C-alpha atoms as a PDB file:
ATOM      1  CA  MET A   1       0.164   3.678  16.713  1.00  0.00           C
ATOM      2  CA  LYS A   2       0.741   7.417  16.967  1.00  0.00           C
ATOM      3  CA  THR A   3       0.975   9.603  13.888  1.00  0.00           C
ATOM      4  CA  LYS A   4       4.579  10.596  14.540  1.00  0.00           C
ATOM      5  CA  ALA A   5       5.624   6.958  14.914  1.00  0.00           C
ATOM      6  CA  ARG A   6       3.777   5.996  11.727  1.00  0.00           C
ATOM      7  CA  LEU A   7       5.461   8.796   9.804  1.00  0.00           C
ATOM      8  CA  LYS A   8       8.879   7.834  11.138  1.00  0.00           C
ATOM      9  CA  ARG A   9       8.277   4.216  10.155  1.00  0.00           C
ATOM     10  CA  ALA A  10       7.185   5.172   6.631  1.00  0.00           C
ATOM     11  CA  LEU A  11      10.190   7.442   6.108  1.00  0.00           C
ATOM     12  CA  LEU A  12      12.559   4.759   7.373  1.00  0.00           C
ATOM     13  CA  ARG A  13      11.103   2.207   4.960  1.00  0.00           C
ATOM     14  CA  ALA A  14      11.283   4.701   2.100  1.00  0.00           C
ATOM     15  CA  ARG A  15      14.927   5.530   2.808  1.00  0.00           C
ATOM     16  CA  TYR A  16      15.973   1.888   2.937  1.00  0.00           C
ATOM     17  CA  ALA A  17      13.914   1.096  -0.167  1.00  0.00           C
ATOM     18  CA  ALA A  18      15.606   3.929  -2.067  1.00  0.00           C
ATOM     19  CA  VAL A  19      19.074   2.745  -1.089  1.00  0.00           C
ATOM     20  CA  GLY A  20      18.149  -0.847  -1.940  1.00  0.00           C
ATOM     21  CA  ALA A  21      16.812   0.229  -5.336  1.00  0.00           C
ATOM     22  CA  ALA A  22      19.981   2.165  -6.118  1.00  0.00           C
ATOM     23  CA  VAL A  23      22.242  -0.729  -5.180  1.00  0.00           C
ATOM     24  CA  GLY A  24      20.098  -3.256  -7.048  1.00  0.00           C
ATOM     25  CA  ALA A  25      19.940  -1.101 -10.166  1.00  0.00           C
ATOM     26  CA  ALA A  26      23.689  -0.514 -10.083  1.00  0.00           C
ATOM     27  CA  LEU A  27      24.417  -4.220  -9.836  1.00  0.00           C
ATOM     28  CA  GLY A  28      21.876  -5.086 -12.520  1.00  0.00           C
ATOM     29  CA  GLY A  29      23.202  -2.275 -14.709  1.00  0.00           C
ATOM     30  CA  LEU A  30      26.498  -4.094 -14.951  1.00  0.00           C
ATOM     31  CA  VAL A  31      24.668  -6.719 -17.009  1.00  0.00           C
ATOM     32  CA  GLY A  32      22.213  -4.637 -19.024  1.00  0.00           C
ATOM     33  CA  ARG A  33      19.178  -2.374 -19.048  1.00  0.00           C
ATOM     34  CA  SER A  34      16.529  -4.975 -18.237  1.00  0.00           C
ATOM     35  CA  PRO A  35      18.443  -6.503 -15.319  1.00  0.00           C
ATOM     36  CA  ALA A  36      18.968  -2.970 -13.976  1.00  0.00           C
ATOM     37  CA  SER A  37      15.213  -2.480 -13.798  1.00  0.00           C
ATOM     38  CA  THR A  38      14.668  -5.856 -12.161  1.00  0.00           C
ATOM     39  CA  GLY A  39      17.541  -5.256  -9.752  1.00  0.00           C
ATOM     40  CA  GLY A  40      16.131  -1.887  -8.779  1.00  0.00           C
ATOM     41  CA  ALA A  41      12.714  -3.345  -8.011  1.00  0.00           C
ATOM     42  CA  THR A  42      14.165  -6.272  -6.097  1.00  0.00           C
ATOM     43  CA  GLY A  43      16.530  -4.002  -4.181  1.00  0.00           C
ATOM     44  CA  ALA A  44      13.677  -1.701  -3.191  1.00  0.00           C
ATOM     45  CA  LEU A  45      11.660  -4.629  -1.894  1.00  0.00           C
ATOM     46  CA  LEU A  46      14.583  -6.001   0.087  1.00  0.00           C
ATOM     47  CA  GLY A  47      15.391  -2.562   1.465  1.00  0.00           C
ATOM     48  CA  ALA A  48      11.830  -2.110   2.695  1.00  0.00           C
ATOM     49  CA  VAL A  49      11.862  -5.555   4.322  1.00  0.00           C
ATOM     50  CA  ILE A  50      15.158  -4.811   6.080  1.00  0.00           C
ATOM     51  CA  ALA A  51      13.798  -1.480   7.314  1.00  0.00           C
ATOM     52  CA  GLU A  52      10.674  -3.154   8.646  1.00  0.00           C
ATOM     53  CA  LYS A  53      12.701  -5.755  10.530  1.00  0.00           C
ATOM     54  CA  ARG A  54      15.057  -3.122  11.919  1.00  0.00           C
ATOM     55  CA  PHE A  55      12.196  -0.883  13.004  1.00  0.00           C
ATOM     56  CA  ASP A  56      10.407  -3.758  14.743  1.00  0.00           C
ATOM     57  CA  ALA A  57      13.550  -4.828  16.589  1.00  0.00           C
ATOM     58  CA  SER A  58      14.270  -1.335  17.910  1.00  0.00           C
ATOM     59  CA  GLY A  59      10.641  -0.943  18.950  1.00  0.00           C
ATOM     60  CA  ILE A  60      10.833  -4.096  21.030  1.00  0.00           C
ATOM     61  CA  VAL A  61      13.999  -2.894  22.749  1.00  0.00           C
ATOM     62  CA  ASP A  62      12.393   0.471  23.549  1.00  0.00           C
ATOM     63  CA  GLU A  63       9.323  -1.242  24.982  1.00  0.00           C
ATOM     64  CA  VAL A  64      11.443  -3.462  27.236  1.00  0.00           C
ATOM     65  CA  ARG A  65      13.482  -0.468  28.453  1.00  0.00           C
ATOM     66  CA  SER A  66      10.357   1.554  29.227  1.00  0.00           C
ATOM     67  CA  GLU A  67       8.929  -1.244  31.381  1.00  0.00           C
ATOM     68  CA  ASP A  68      11.951  -1.212  33.711  1.00  0.00           C
END
């Protein structure tokens, strides 16, 4: 994998993880301080997983298009 592609992938995962952490912490913060921390961590993990799945799916589409 090229350096530019690796950097793009890492930044995409980081952006989705940050958004996931913010949403999770906000939802957990409605309950209390401890659930806010847990929600932030869980949201970050889910955001990174979603980014990974999205990145993989777009990579497959690009590969198919380039073969035509």
